[in-house]
């Protein structure tokens, strides 16, 4: 309140103008799509526009699921698996780009990432607790090998070089979906948001002027946390041996499969990767899981802008040098 004199003995009361209340609000929604929980949280100056943006994200998630699900017989992925052993199958631009990126990560990781693992992956049933015997596994492994994918980028076709080959994009499809969703939000003018698909998240801007925070869960205690990461304009993916698994004779069979052996890697319990985009973080998290701590962290450090946190089989925490210097990490 400001006081200003007018005539002697009189005062005028000038009330200082209060800043207008901030318009807009935080909006959040969660749905079950792509076999996981899809969540969106965002700030919108216009709540109706914000809800429409969330609608668009969920529609995009359904579209990607319809195209890339190995469980939907009408999906593009199912059509490829049904026909590519017999002829060169035409691909959508999106699918061709994803197969090309998959082959890049296969080359980068020395085959630790391989979408043709699906030939052995299909032999596991984690709900029923079924794992293949040695004979079935050996037969399926003969069809695994990313170098036998015959991709023609100019014609946009894919052919399998081996009978019995299959591909599965589960190694990075959710990360790709999160990337697409965030690009969609940005086109609609959304500057602050988090989109998550299971263990894959991407954040835009900040939350109420502070970084978003993402916790890395303890892989052996569902209510435990091993680290908390403050994030802005970053993608993060966590892969763990606790997500889909069963145990038999003291051995944990989980959903991440080493393409070279057809079995679940056992040297680490969880891998978290940070990078600029979700496709990269999800793919690298699978690579590190297969390669193990030393080779895996070396791989991540060879990728500009990428960092990782690994919990090994003894429960020890490992991280790349970039997190020591530029990223707060606390238990």
C-alpha atoms as a PDB file:
ATOM      1  CA  UNK A   1       0.000   0.000   0.000  1.00  0.00           C
ATOM      2  CA  UNK A   2       1.399   3.423  -0.971  1.00  0.00           C
ATOM      3  CA  UNK A   3       0.589   6.646   0.898  1.00  0.00           C
ATOM      4  CA  UNK A   4       0.696   9.995  -0.910  1.00  0.00           C
ATOM      5  CA  UNK A   5      -0.173  13.363   0.622  1.00  0.00           C
ATOM      6  CA  UNK A   6      -2.678  15.628  -1.104  1.00  0.00           C
ATOM      7  CA  UNK A   7      -3.655  18.609   1.091  1.00  0.00           C
ATOM      8  CA  UNK A   8      -2.399  19.194   4.635  1.00  0.00           C
ATOM      9  CA  UNK A   9      -4.002  16.692   6.951  1.00  0.00           C
ATOM     10  CA  UNK A  10      -5.207  14.517   4.104  1.00  0.00           C
ATOM     11  CA  UNK A  11      -3.729  11.375   2.584  1.00  0.00           C
ATOM     12  CA  UNK A  12      -4.570   9.476  -0.517  1.00  0.00           C
ATOM     13  CA  UNK A  13      -4.383   5.679  -0.290  1.00  0.00           C
ATOM     14  CA  UNK A  14      -2.906   4.151  -3.435  1.00  0.00           C
ATOM     15  CA  UNK A  15      -3.271   0.370  -3.304  1.00  0.00           C
ATOM     16  CA  UNK A  16      -0.424  -1.385  -5.029  1.00  0.00           C
ATOM     17  CA  UNK A  17      -1.642  -3.635  -7.802  1.00  0.00           C
ATOM     18  CA  UNK A  18      -1.360  -7.302  -6.987  1.00  0.00           C
ATOM     19  CA  UNK A  19      -0.060  -9.533  -9.714  1.00  0.00           C
ATOM     20  CA  UNK A  20      -2.850 -11.441 -11.388  1.00  0.00           C
ATOM     21  CA  UNK A  21      -3.219 -14.992 -10.213  1.00  0.00           C
ATOM     22  CA  UNK A  22      -1.395 -17.347 -12.529  1.00  0.00           C
ATOM     23  CA  UNK A  23      -3.768 -18.831 -15.022  1.00  0.00           C
ATOM     24  CA  UNK A  24      -3.684 -22.497 -15.882  1.00  0.00           C
ATOM     25  CA  UNK A  25      -3.077 -25.631 -13.860  1.00  0.00           C
ATOM     26  CA  UNK A  26      -1.238 -28.909 -13.625  1.00  0.00           C
ATOM     27  CA  UNK A  27      -3.098 -31.797 -15.252  1.00  0.00           C
ATOM     28  CA  UNK A  28      -2.409 -35.508 -14.924  1.00  0.00           C
ATOM     29  CA  UNK A  29      -3.813 -38.689 -16.398  1.00  0.00           C
ATOM     30  CA  UNK A  30      -2.817 -42.367 -16.483  1.00  0.00           C
ATOM     31  CA  UNK A  31      -4.036 -45.147 -18.776  1.00  0.00           C
ATOM     32  CA  UNK A  32      -3.045 -48.754 -19.480  1.00  0.00           C
ATOM     33  CA  UNK A  33      -1.636 -48.942 -23.028  1.00  0.00           C
ATOM     34  CA  UNK A  34       1.159 -50.951 -24.647  1.00  0.00           C
ATOM     35  CA  UNK A  35       1.000 -53.427 -21.797  1.00  0.00           C
ATOM     36  CA  UNK A  36       2.121 -50.815 -19.259  1.00  0.00           C
ATOM     37  CA  UNK A  37       1.010 -47.690 -17.396  1.00  0.00           C
ATOM     38  CA  UNK A  38       1.141 -44.570 -19.573  1.00  0.00           C
ATOM     39  CA  UNK A  39       1.077 -41.332 -17.582  1.00  0.00           C
ATOM     40  CA  UNK A  40       1.122 -37.684 -18.610  1.00  0.00           C
ATOM     41  CA  UNK A  41       1.552 -34.707 -16.303  1.00  0.00           C
ATOM     42  CA  UNK A  42       1.717 -31.207 -17.735  1.00  0.00           C
ATOM     43  CA  UNK A  43       1.176 -27.514 -17.104  1.00  0.00           C
ATOM     44  CA  UNK A  44      -1.252 -25.723 -19.379  1.00  0.00           C
ATOM     45  CA  UNK A  45      -2.332 -22.096 -19.290  1.00  0.00           C
ATOM     46  CA  UNK A  46      -5.650 -23.298 -20.733  1.00  0.00           C
ATOM     47  CA  UNK A  47      -6.913 -26.443 -18.971  1.00  0.00           C
ATOM     48  CA  UNK A  48      -9.125 -27.356 -21.928  1.00  0.00           C
ATOM     49  CA  UNK A  49      -6.154 -27.175 -24.279  1.00  0.00           C
ATOM     50  CA  UNK A  50      -4.156 -29.201 -21.770  1.00  0.00           C
ATOM     51  CA  UNK A  51      -6.768 -31.947 -21.645  1.00  0.00           C
ATOM     52  CA  UNK A  52      -6.854 -31.978 -25.446  1.00  0.00           C
ATOM     53  CA  UNK A  53      -3.066 -32.366 -25.478  1.00  0.00           C
ATOM     54  CA  UNK A  54      -3.304 -35.342 -23.119  1.00  0.00           C
ATOM     55  CA  UNK A  55      -6.011 -36.843 -25.330  1.00  0.00           C
ATOM     56  CA  UNK A  56      -3.635 -36.518 -28.286  1.00  0.00           C
ATOM     57  CA  UNK A  57      -0.812 -38.231 -26.373  1.00  0.00           C
ATOM     58  CA  UNK A  58      -3.000 -41.173 -25.434  1.00  0.00           C
ATOM     59  CA  UNK A  59      -4.241 -41.467 -29.030  1.00  0.00           C
ATOM     60  CA  UNK A  60      -0.626 -41.528 -30.225  1.00  0.00           C
ATOM     61  CA  UNK A  61       0.213 -44.270 -27.727  1.00  0.00           C
ATOM     62  CA  UNK A  62      -2.707 -46.346 -29.014  1.00  0.00           C
ATOM     63  CA  UNK A  63      -1.546 -45.772 -32.601  1.00  0.00           C
ATOM     64  CA  UNK A  64       1.980 -46.964 -31.847  1.00  0.00           C
ATOM     65  CA  UNK A  65       0.650 -49.973 -29.958  1.00  0.00           C
ATOM     66  CA  UNK A  66      -1.575 -50.900 -32.912  1.00  0.00           C
ATOM     67  CA  UNK A  67       1.400 -50.722 -35.285  1.00  0.00           C
ATOM     68  CA  UNK A  68       4.152 -52.315 -33.196  1.00  0.00           C
ATOM     69  CA  UNK A  69       2.537 -54.844 -30.905  1.00  0.00           C
ATOM     70  CA  UNK A  70       3.677 -58.429 -31.525  1.00  0.00           C
ATOM     71  CA  UNK A  71       0.416 -59.588 -29.963  1.00  0.00           C
ATOM     72  CA  UNK A  72      -1.949 -57.888 -32.411  1.00  0.00           C
ATOM     73  CA  UNK A  73      -2.291 -59.908 -35.644  1.00  0.00           C
ATOM     74  CA  UNK A  74      -3.173 -56.780 -37.630  1.00  0.00           C
ATOM     75  CA  UNK A  75      -0.102 -54.797 -36.556  1.00  0.00           C
ATOM     76  CA  UNK A  76       2.633 -53.869 -39.006  1.00  0.00           C
ATOM     77  CA  UNK A  77       5.103 -55.806 -36.859  1.00  0.00           C
ATOM     78  CA  UNK A  78       2.986 -58.975 -37.051  1.00  0.00           C
ATOM     79  CA  UNK A  79       2.745 -58.610 -40.833  1.00  0.00           C
ATOM     80  CA  UNK A  80       6.538 -58.330 -41.061  1.00  0.00           C
ATOM     81  CA  UNK A  81       7.045 -61.430 -38.918  1.00  0.00           C
ATOM     82  CA  UNK A  82       4.550 -63.383 -41.010  1.00  0.00           C
ATOM     83  CA  UNK A  83       5.966 -62.458 -44.424  1.00  0.00           C
ATOM     84  CA  UNK A  84       9.567 -61.242 -44.290  1.00  0.00           C
ATOM     85  CA  UNK A  85      11.130 -64.713 -44.405  1.00  0.00           C
ATOM     86  CA  UNK A  86       9.535 -65.196 -47.839  1.00  0.00           C
ATOM     87  CA  UNK A  87       9.749 -61.759 -49.463  1.00  0.00           C
ATOM     88  CA  UNK A  88      10.875 -58.185 -48.991  1.00  0.00           C
ATOM     89  CA  UNK A  89       8.086 -56.525 -46.998  1.00  0.00           C
ATOM     90  CA  UNK A  90       7.292 -52.820 -47.557  1.00  0.00           C
ATOM     91  CA  UNK A  91       7.684 -50.742 -44.392  1.00  0.00           C
ATOM     92  CA  UNK A  92       6.158 -47.513 -43.204  1.00  0.00           C
ATOM     93  CA  UNK A  93       8.593 -44.627 -42.839  1.00  0.00           C
ATOM     94  CA  UNK A  94       8.353 -44.947 -39.071  1.00  0.00           C
ATOM     95  CA  UNK A  95       9.063 -48.683 -39.054  1.00  0.00           C
ATOM     96  CA  UNK A  96      11.950 -48.364 -41.492  1.00  0.00           C
ATOM     97  CA  UNK A  97      13.517 -45.713 -39.281  1.00  0.00           C
ATOM     98  CA  UNK A  98      13.149 -47.873 -36.174  1.00  0.00           C
ATOM     99  CA  UNK A  99      14.677 -50.947 -37.818  1.00  0.00           C
ATOM    100  CA  UNK A 100      17.577 -48.820 -39.025  1.00  0.00           C
ATOM    101  CA  UNK A 101      18.109 -47.463 -35.500  1.00  0.00           C
ATOM    102  CA  UNK A 102      17.902 -50.977 -34.085  1.00  0.00           C
ATOM    103  CA  UNK A 103      20.671 -52.096 -36.410  1.00  0.00           C
ATOM    104  CA  UNK A 104      22.745 -49.092 -35.341  1.00  0.00           C
ATOM    105  CA  UNK A 105      22.479 -50.108 -31.672  1.00  0.00           C
ATOM    106  CA  UNK A 106      23.260 -53.714 -32.589  1.00  0.00           C
ATOM    107  CA  UNK A 107      26.450 -52.589 -34.302  1.00  0.00           C
ATOM    108  CA  UNK A 108      27.327 -50.188 -31.468  1.00  0.00           C
ATOM    109  CA  UNK A 109      26.887 -52.864 -28.782  1.00  0.00           C
ATOM    110  CA  UNK A 110      28.465 -55.783 -30.642  1.00  0.00           C
ATOM    111  CA  UNK A 111      25.093 -57.538 -30.815  1.00  0.00           C
ATOM    112  CA  UNK A 112      24.040 -57.047 -27.184  1.00  0.00           C
ATOM    113  CA  UNK A 113      21.008 -55.239 -28.604  1.00  0.00           C
ATOM    114  CA  UNK A 114      19.262 -57.371 -31.218  1.00  0.00           C
ATOM    115  CA  UNK A 115      15.602 -57.176 -32.197  1.00  0.00           C
ATOM    116  CA  UNK A 116      15.828 -60.696 -33.687  1.00  0.00           C
ATOM    117  CA  UNK A 117      16.058 -62.067 -30.137  1.00  0.00           C
ATOM    118  CA  UNK A 118      12.291 -62.523 -30.510  1.00  0.00           C
ATOM    119  CA  UNK A 119      12.818 -66.033 -31.843  1.00  0.00           C
ATOM    120  CA  UNK A 120      13.958 -67.137 -28.386  1.00  0.00           C
ATOM    121  CA  UNK A 121      11.949 -64.559 -26.461  1.00  0.00           C
ATOM    122  CA  UNK A 122       8.724 -66.117 -27.747  1.00  0.00           C
ATOM    123  CA  UNK A 123       9.611 -69.353 -25.931  1.00  0.00           C
ATOM    124  CA  UNK A 124       9.239 -67.756 -22.486  1.00  0.00           C
ATOM    125  CA  UNK A 125       5.953 -67.330 -20.653  1.00  0.00           C
ATOM    126  CA  UNK A 126       6.603 -65.252 -17.546  1.00  0.00           C
ATOM    127  CA  UNK A 127       3.064 -65.512 -16.221  1.00  0.00           C
ATOM    128  CA  UNK A 128       2.990 -69.275 -16.493  1.00  0.00           C
ATOM    129  CA  UNK A 129       6.625 -69.679 -15.432  1.00  0.00           C
ATOM    130  CA  UNK A 130       7.702 -71.462 -18.642  1.00  0.00           C
ATOM    131  CA  UNK A 131      11.280 -71.442 -19.946  1.00  0.00           C
ATOM    132  CA  UNK A 132      12.567 -73.383 -22.982  1.00  0.00           C
ATOM    133  CA  UNK A 133      14.670 -76.503 -22.579  1.00  0.00           C
ATOM    134  CA  UNK A 134      18.155 -76.640 -24.104  1.00  0.00           C
ATOM    135  CA  UNK A 135      17.004 -78.301 -27.336  1.00  0.00           C
ATOM    136  CA  UNK A 136      14.246 -75.772 -28.027  1.00  0.00           C
ATOM    137  CA  UNK A 137      16.559 -72.920 -27.163  1.00  0.00           C
ATOM    138  CA  UNK A 138      19.305 -74.162 -29.502  1.00  0.00           C
ATOM    139  CA  UNK A 139      16.841 -74.453 -32.378  1.00  0.00           C
ATOM    140  CA  UNK A 140      15.471 -70.946 -31.810  1.00  0.00           C
ATOM    141  CA  UNK A 141      18.922 -69.396 -31.408  1.00  0.00           C
ATOM    142  CA  UNK A 142      19.765 -70.482 -34.944  1.00  0.00           C
ATOM    143  CA  UNK A 143      17.313 -67.841 -36.175  1.00  0.00           C
ATOM    144  CA  UNK A 144      18.816 -65.018 -34.086  1.00  0.00           C
ATOM    145  CA  UNK A 145      21.240 -62.572 -35.673  1.00  0.00           C
ATOM    146  CA  UNK A 146      20.734 -58.927 -36.598  1.00  0.00           C
ATOM    147  CA  UNK A 147      23.204 -59.170 -39.496  1.00  0.00           C
ATOM    148  CA  UNK A 148      20.655 -61.365 -41.274  1.00  0.00           C
ATOM    149  CA  UNK A 149      18.150 -58.492 -41.425  1.00  0.00           C
ATOM    150  CA  UNK A 150      18.118 -57.296 -45.034  1.00  0.00           C
ATOM    151  CA  UNK A 151      16.954 -53.692 -44.863  1.00  0.00           C
ATOM    152  CA  UNK A 152      16.735 -51.593 -48.016  1.00  0.00           C
ATOM    153  CA  UNK A 153      16.458 -48.001 -46.714  1.00  0.00           C
ATOM    154  CA  UNK A 154      15.820 -46.510 -50.150  1.00  0.00           C
ATOM    155  CA  UNK A 155      13.061 -48.952 -51.098  1.00  0.00           C
ATOM    156  CA  UNK A 156      11.915 -49.139 -47.457  1.00  0.00           C
ATOM    157  CA  UNK A 157      11.660 -52.922 -47.409  1.00  0.00           C
ATOM    158  CA  UNK A 158      12.787 -55.586 -44.958  1.00  0.00           C
ATOM    159  CA  UNK A 159      13.532 -59.227 -45.579  1.00  0.00           C
ATOM    160  CA  UNK A 160      14.682 -61.915 -43.147  1.00  0.00           C
ATOM    161  CA  UNK A 161      17.810 -63.789 -44.193  1.00  0.00           C
ATOM    162  CA  UNK A 162      17.002 -66.837 -42.072  1.00  0.00           C
ATOM    163  CA  UNK A 163      13.974 -69.053 -41.785  1.00  0.00           C
ATOM    164  CA  UNK A 164      12.246 -68.733 -38.433  1.00  0.00           C
ATOM    165  CA  UNK A 165      13.436 -65.177 -37.767  1.00  0.00           C
ATOM    166  CA  UNK A 166      11.202 -62.792 -35.866  1.00  0.00           C
ATOM    167  CA  UNK A 167      11.680 -59.272 -34.608  1.00  0.00           C
ATOM    168  CA  UNK A 168      10.364 -57.508 -31.515  1.00  0.00           C
ATOM    169  CA  UNK A 169      10.657 -53.775 -30.873  1.00  0.00           C
ATOM    170  CA  UNK A 170      10.083 -54.101 -27.137  1.00  0.00           C
ATOM    171  CA  UNK A 171      13.683 -53.051 -26.562  1.00  0.00           C
ATOM    172  CA  UNK A 172      12.918 -49.447 -27.413  1.00  0.00           C
ATOM    173  CA  UNK A 173       9.324 -49.023 -28.621  1.00  0.00           C
ATOM    174  CA  UNK A 174       8.166 -47.363 -25.391  1.00  0.00           C
ATOM    175  CA  UNK A 175      11.073 -44.937 -25.513  1.00  0.00           C
ATOM    176  CA  UNK A 176      10.121 -44.084 -29.079  1.00  0.00           C
ATOM    177  CA  UNK A 177       6.498 -43.590 -28.009  1.00  0.00           C
ATOM    178  CA  UNK A 178       7.546 -41.210 -25.227  1.00  0.00           C
ATOM    179  CA  UNK A 179       9.637 -39.217 -27.712  1.00  0.00           C
ATOM    180  CA  UNK A 180       6.709 -38.946 -30.096  1.00  0.00           C
ATOM    181  CA  UNK A 181       4.404 -37.871 -27.287  1.00  0.00           C
ATOM    182  CA  UNK A 182       6.749 -35.112 -26.104  1.00  0.00           C
ATOM    183  CA  UNK A 183       7.207 -33.810 -29.651  1.00  0.00           C
ATOM    184  CA  UNK A 184       3.426 -33.678 -29.953  1.00  0.00           C
ATOM    185  CA  UNK A 185       3.139 -31.698 -26.704  1.00  0.00           C
ATOM    186  CA  UNK A 186       5.790 -29.236 -27.817  1.00  0.00           C
ATOM    187  CA  UNK A 187       3.942 -28.613 -31.079  1.00  0.00           C
ATOM    188  CA  UNK A 188       0.895 -27.742 -28.980  1.00  0.00           C
ATOM    189  CA  UNK A 189       2.854 -25.206 -26.965  1.00  0.00           C
ATOM    190  CA  UNK A 190       3.318 -27.300 -23.811  1.00  0.00           C
ATOM    191  CA  UNK A 191       6.637 -26.341 -22.177  1.00  0.00           C
ATOM    192  CA  UNK A 192       6.501 -28.233 -18.870  1.00  0.00           C
ATOM    193  CA  UNK A 193       5.538 -31.925 -18.825  1.00  0.00           C
ATOM    194  CA  UNK A 194       6.488 -35.461 -17.962  1.00  0.00           C
ATOM    195  CA  UNK A 195       5.456 -38.435 -20.095  1.00  0.00           C
ATOM    196  CA  UNK A 196       6.101 -41.935 -18.760  1.00  0.00           C
ATOM    197  CA  UNK A 197       5.589 -45.388 -20.232  1.00  0.00           C
ATOM    198  CA  UNK A 198       6.477 -47.919 -17.577  1.00  0.00           C
ATOM    199  CA  UNK A 199      10.169 -47.440 -16.824  1.00  0.00           C
ATOM    200  CA  UNK A 200      10.699 -44.931 -19.639  1.00  0.00           C
ATOM    201  CA  UNK A 201      10.162 -41.220 -19.034  1.00  0.00           C
ATOM    202  CA  UNK A 202      10.940 -37.908 -20.649  1.00  0.00           C
ATOM    203  CA  UNK A 203      10.632 -34.505 -19.009  1.00  0.00           C
ATOM    204  CA  UNK A 204      10.106 -31.104 -20.611  1.00  0.00           C
ATOM    205  CA  UNK A 205      11.023 -27.947 -18.748  1.00  0.00           C
ATOM    206  CA  UNK A 206      10.581 -28.084 -14.981  1.00  0.00           C
ATOM    207  CA  UNK A 207       7.926 -28.451 -12.319  1.00  0.00           C
ATOM    208  CA  UNK A 208       7.003 -25.247 -10.488  1.00  0.00           C
ATOM    209  CA  UNK A 209      10.423 -23.775 -11.169  1.00  0.00           C
ATOM    210  CA  UNK A 210      12.309 -26.792  -9.827  1.00  0.00           C
ATOM    211  CA  UNK A 211      13.684 -29.839 -11.615  1.00  0.00           C
ATOM    212  CA  UNK A 212      11.521 -32.893 -11.970  1.00  0.00           C
ATOM    213  CA  UNK A 213      12.656 -35.689  -9.664  1.00  0.00           C
ATOM    214  CA  UNK A 214      12.782 -39.336 -10.660  1.00  0.00           C
ATOM    215  CA  UNK A 215      13.593 -42.055  -8.142  1.00  0.00           C
ATOM    216  CA  UNK A 216      15.494 -45.221  -9.005  1.00  0.00           C
ATOM    217  CA  UNK A 217      13.869 -48.024  -7.060  1.00  0.00           C
ATOM    218  CA  UNK A 218      15.750 -50.637  -5.135  1.00  0.00           C
ATOM    219  CA  UNK A 219      15.550 -53.739  -7.370  1.00  0.00           C
ATOM    220  CA  UNK A 220      15.028 -55.992  -4.372  1.00  0.00           C
ATOM    221  CA  UNK A 221      12.678 -53.791  -2.302  1.00  0.00           C
ATOM    222  CA  UNK A 222       9.602 -52.427  -4.028  1.00  0.00           C
ATOM    223  CA  UNK A 223       9.317 -49.590  -1.496  1.00  0.00           C
ATOM    224  CA  UNK A 224      13.053 -48.813  -1.480  1.00  0.00           C
ATOM    225  CA  UNK A 225      14.979 -46.169  -3.409  1.00  0.00           C
ATOM    226  CA  UNK A 226      18.685 -46.293  -4.287  1.00  0.00           C
ATOM    227  CA  UNK A 227      18.952 -42.819  -5.834  1.00  0.00           C
ATOM    228  CA  UNK A 228      16.944 -39.722  -6.735  1.00  0.00           C
ATOM    229  CA  UNK A 229      17.752 -37.755  -9.878  1.00  0.00           C
ATOM    230  CA  UNK A 230      16.717 -34.128 -10.511  1.00  0.00           C
ATOM    231  CA  UNK A 231      15.973 -33.750 -14.228  1.00  0.00           C
ATOM    232  CA  UNK A 232      15.186 -31.094 -16.821  1.00  0.00           C
ATOM    233  CA  UNK A 233      14.850 -31.615 -20.578  1.00  0.00           C
ATOM    234  CA  UNK A 234      16.015 -35.224 -20.251  1.00  0.00           C
ATOM    235  CA  UNK A 235      14.955 -38.768 -21.013  1.00  0.00           C
ATOM    236  CA  UNK A 236      15.460 -41.585 -18.527  1.00  0.00           C
ATOM    237  CA  UNK A 237      14.905 -45.343 -18.799  1.00  0.00           C
ATOM    238  CA  UNK A 238      15.207 -48.017 -16.141  1.00  0.00           C
ATOM    239  CA  UNK A 239      15.325 -51.726 -16.935  1.00  0.00           C
ATOM    240  CA  UNK A 240      15.147 -54.184 -14.060  1.00  0.00           C
ATOM    241  CA  UNK A 241      15.085 -57.908 -13.518  1.00  0.00           C
ATOM    242  CA  UNK A 242      12.073 -57.381 -11.233  1.00  0.00           C
ATOM    243  CA  UNK A 243       9.645 -56.198 -13.936  1.00  0.00           C
ATOM    244  CA  UNK A 244       8.551 -59.497 -15.516  1.00  0.00           C
ATOM    245  CA  UNK A 245      10.121 -62.655 -14.160  1.00  0.00           C
ATOM    246  CA  UNK A 246       9.718 -66.029 -12.551  1.00  0.00           C
ATOM    247  CA  UNK A 247      12.134 -68.144 -10.554  1.00  0.00           C
ATOM    248  CA  UNK A 248      12.904 -71.810 -10.999  1.00  0.00           C
ATOM    249  CA  UNK A 249      15.488 -73.812  -9.041  1.00  0.00           C
ATOM    250  CA  UNK A 250      16.916 -70.591  -7.640  1.00  0.00           C
ATOM    251  CA  UNK A 251      17.367 -68.993 -11.088  1.00  0.00           C
ATOM    252  CA  UNK A 252      15.530 -65.809 -12.032  1.00  0.00           C
ATOM    253  CA  UNK A 253      14.250 -65.778 -15.611  1.00  0.00           C
ATOM    254  CA  UNK A 254      13.354 -62.199 -16.540  1.00  0.00           C
ATOM    255  CA  UNK A 255      12.198 -60.400 -19.670  1.00  0.00           C
ATOM    256  CA  UNK A 256      15.624 -59.132 -20.784  1.00  0.00           C
ATOM    257  CA  UNK A 257      17.281 -61.796 -22.920  1.00  0.00           C
ATOM    258  CA  UNK A 258      20.910 -62.010 -24.009  1.00  0.00           C
ATOM    259  CA  UNK A 259      20.713 -62.641 -27.781  1.00  0.00           C
ATOM    260  CA  UNK A 260      23.911 -64.684 -27.668  1.00  0.00           C
ATOM    261  CA  UNK A 261      22.684 -67.191 -25.069  1.00  0.00           C
ATOM    262  CA  UNK A 262      18.895 -66.908 -25.096  1.00  0.00           C
ATOM    263  CA  UNK A 263      19.011 -66.667 -21.309  1.00  0.00           C
ATOM    264  CA  UNK A 264      18.517 -63.795 -18.869  1.00  0.00           C
ATOM    265  CA  UNK A 265      21.692 -61.890 -17.892  1.00  0.00           C
ATOM    266  CA  UNK A 266      22.432 -62.191 -14.168  1.00  0.00           C
ATOM    267  CA  UNK A 267      25.329 -59.850 -13.435  1.00  0.00           C
ATOM    268  CA  UNK A 268      23.124 -56.802 -12.761  1.00  0.00           C
ATOM    269  CA  UNK A 269      19.737 -56.176 -11.181  1.00  0.00           C
ATOM    270  CA  UNK A 270      18.855 -52.818 -12.740  1.00  0.00           C
ATOM    271  CA  UNK A 271      20.149 -50.281 -15.249  1.00  0.00           C
ATOM    272  CA  UNK A 272      19.109 -46.638 -15.544  1.00  0.00           C
ATOM    273  CA  UNK A 273      20.241 -44.541 -18.523  1.00  0.00           C
ATOM    274  CA  UNK A 274      19.863 -40.806 -19.125  1.00  0.00           C
ATOM    275  CA  UNK A 275      20.179 -39.148 -22.537  1.00  0.00           C
ATOM    276  CA  UNK A 276      18.484 -36.603 -24.768  1.00  0.00           C
ATOM    277  CA  UNK A 277      15.851 -38.993 -26.189  1.00  0.00           C
ATOM    278  CA  UNK A 278      13.893 -41.962 -24.947  1.00  0.00           C
ATOM    279  CA  UNK A 279      14.697 -44.287 -27.811  1.00  0.00           C
ATOM    280  CA  UNK A 280      18.406 -43.998 -26.965  1.00  0.00           C
ATOM    281  CA  UNK A 281      17.937 -44.388 -23.221  1.00  0.00           C
ATOM    282  CA  UNK A 282      15.776 -47.488 -23.524  1.00  0.00           C
ATOM    283  CA  UNK A 283      18.025 -49.160 -26.074  1.00  0.00           C
ATOM    284  CA  UNK A 284      21.173 -48.419 -24.061  1.00  0.00           C
ATOM    285  CA  UNK A 285      19.590 -49.733 -20.858  1.00  0.00           C
ATOM    286  CA  UNK A 286      19.095 -53.102 -22.560  1.00  0.00           C
ATOM    287  CA  UNK A 287      22.653 -53.043 -23.931  1.00  0.00           C
ATOM    288  CA  UNK A 288      24.154 -52.400 -20.491  1.00  0.00           C
ATOM    289  CA  UNK A 289      22.042 -55.144 -18.930  1.00  0.00           C
ATOM    290  CA  UNK A 290      23.488 -57.671 -21.364  1.00  0.00           C
ATOM    291  CA  UNK A 291      27.074 -56.358 -21.349  1.00  0.00           C
ATOM    292  CA  UNK A 292      27.412 -56.023 -17.582  1.00  0.00           C
ATOM    293  CA  UNK A 293      28.846 -53.227 -15.467  1.00  0.00           C
ATOM    294  CA  UNK A 294      32.291 -52.557 -16.951  1.00  0.00           C
ATOM    295  CA  UNK A 295      31.574 -53.008 -20.645  1.00  0.00           C
ATOM    296  CA  UNK A 296      28.129 -51.488 -20.296  1.00  0.00           C
ATOM    297  CA  UNK A 297      29.283 -48.277 -18.625  1.00  0.00           C
ATOM    298  CA  UNK A 298      32.103 -47.960 -21.140  1.00  0.00           C
ATOM    299  CA  UNK A 299      29.534 -48.181 -23.922  1.00  0.00           C
ATOM    300  CA  UNK A 300      27.347 -45.490 -22.350  1.00  0.00           C
ATOM    301  CA  UNK A 301      30.324 -43.185 -21.875  1.00  0.00           C
ATOM    302  CA  UNK A 302      31.101 -43.532 -25.595  1.00  0.00           C
ATOM    303  CA  UNK A 303      27.710 -41.999 -26.435  1.00  0.00           C
ATOM    304  CA  UNK A 304      27.759 -38.173 -26.164  1.00  0.00           C
ATOM    305  CA  UNK A 305      25.369 -36.851 -23.526  1.00  0.00           C
ATOM    306  CA  UNK A 306      24.513 -40.265 -22.075  1.00  0.00           C
ATOM    307  CA  UNK A 307      24.961 -41.394 -18.461  1.00  0.00           C
ATOM    308  CA  UNK A 308      23.991 -44.451 -16.466  1.00  0.00           C
ATOM    309  CA  UNK A 309      23.430 -45.863 -12.991  1.00  0.00           C
ATOM    310  CA  UNK A 310      23.748 -49.625 -12.491  1.00  0.00           C
ATOM    311  CA  UNK A 311      22.868 -51.810  -9.512  1.00  0.00           C
ATOM    312  CA  UNK A 312      24.882 -55.013  -9.812  1.00  0.00           C
ATOM    313  CA  UNK A 313      24.002 -58.497  -8.586  1.00  0.00           C
ATOM    314  CA  UNK A 314      25.636 -57.775  -5.226  1.00  0.00           C
ATOM    315  CA  UNK A 315      23.532 -54.657  -4.759  1.00  0.00           C
ATOM    316  CA  UNK A 316      26.431 -52.253  -5.372  1.00  0.00           C
ATOM    317  CA  UNK A 317      25.783 -48.938  -7.135  1.00  0.00           C
ATOM    318  CA  UNK A 318      27.871 -47.954 -10.180  1.00  0.00           C
ATOM    319  CA  UNK A 319      27.620 -44.797 -12.296  1.00  0.00           C
ATOM    320  CA  UNK A 320      29.248 -43.027 -15.182  1.00  0.00           C
ATOM    321  CA  UNK A 321      31.659 -40.153 -14.587  1.00  0.00           C
ATOM    322  CA  UNK A 322      29.223 -37.600 -15.976  1.00  0.00           C
ATOM    323  CA  UNK A 323      26.860 -38.129 -13.054  1.00  0.00           C
ATOM    324  CA  UNK A 324      29.632 -37.525 -10.568  1.00  0.00           C
ATOM    325  CA  UNK A 325      30.271 -34.071 -11.993  1.00  0.00           C
ATOM    326  CA  UNK A 326      27.079 -32.743 -13.514  1.00  0.00           C
ATOM    327  CA  UNK A 327      24.129 -34.660 -12.095  1.00  0.00           C
ATOM    328  CA  UNK A 328      23.030 -34.689  -8.460  1.00  0.00           C
ATOM    329  CA  UNK A 329      22.715 -38.239  -7.237  1.00  0.00           C
ATOM    330  CA  UNK A 330      21.677 -39.064  -3.720  1.00  0.00           C
ATOM    331  CA  UNK A 331      20.485 -42.141  -1.936  1.00  0.00           C
END
